[in-house]
Amino acid sequence: MIYAKLAKILSKSAMITVSALLTPQSLASSFTLPLEIWMAAGQVQQGLTRSSELQVRTCTVGFDAQPITLSGGITITPDYCLETAPKSDIWILPAQWRNPLKLKQHSQRLAPLIRRALTEQSVVCSVGTASFLLADMGLLNARPATTHWAYLDLFQANYPKVHLKRGHLITQSQNLFCVGSVNSIADLMVHLIEQKLGIRVAQAVEQQFSPEIRRKFEAAAYQDQSGTAHHDELILEAQIWLDARSHQDITVNQLAADMRISVRNLNRRFKLATGTTPAGYHKRRRLEEAKSLLKNSNAPLGDLSWRLGFSDPAQFSRWFKGMCHLTPSRYRQASRGKLFTHTL
């Protein structure tokens, strides 16, 4: 159910606006990287749809229109001030360099904007120590949260009402996310891009921004609800059925017959509960298994093809390239180390 809700939140407007809310001493990479990832997603989507208009807009917001000095002495002039900031689908709260308790001085001024964003069902993402800012606003009380590893004890001491998740790099509570590192915000952005723009765009962006740093969102995240935390027992049984067959071809007719339900009702209930179709769910599970085998196994493609239920390596290669726009061999190489293309 949580994926369906998140997809609904992100699909309210044709143009996606992603804004970074800057404070003095913000860590530049903690907001420039997610903004660049979304800019790339917009360009990929533009190419796929052959549209002349971008579907993604990125911007920065500060207290006022004056330049802000960031960590490392970098100075940036925000695109907007608090009073003129556009309504955004996604808000990025950058990490604070060094003492995160300094963020307390900004919480009262920024709280109205963040509270309004959450009321409007915008997605709010704190990076690293920016979770201190949300906690000081009281927005994380009785919710899961994480922060930079070096400040876990400080966070817990100051905000005991927050359910701190020390073992997770990403937490989610409805449309409020906390991530523990810059790499984790990259993982989260790829996940949100897939929810809004689809798996093809997400995979293209993932490959562009180094697949070896990508950690599967579901593996890194603590969520108030999981992908199986809906209340439709039949669909949960269907998910278990599909998980057991991620290594083979299946048809929705087979699944529907085993669940003793019509294909139409199965598709309707499955999408309502999980946010995707049975076919889409199975395809994703099969792709996840293929990626894992390619990353973590040295087995030849012939063996992997057989394990994944393909008749021969050529069929597997065609299927994988159609899904990822890379051959299995190329993906294996890219996922284990960066590729550099040399041009004359």
Foldseek 3Di string as FASTA:
>chain_A
DLLQLLLVLQAPDQAAEEEEEDDAAFDVLLPVVLQVLQVLLQVVLCVVVVHPDTRYHYFYEYQQQDWHQYPPRDIDGGPYYPVPDDLHQEYEYGAHPPDLVVLLVVLVVCVVVVVVNVVSSHAYEYEASCVVSCLSSVNQFCHEEEHALVCQVVSCVVRVRHNYDNQAQWEDERRYIYGHHSLVVVQVSLVSSCSHVNQQSSLVSCLVVFVQSHDHDLVRYHYPADLLRDDDVLLNVLLVVLLVQLLADDDLVVSCVVSVHDSVVQQVVNCVSRVHGSVVSSVVSNLVVLLCCLQPHPDDLQVSCVRSHHPGSVVVQVSNCVRNVDGSVVSSVRNNDNDDDDDD
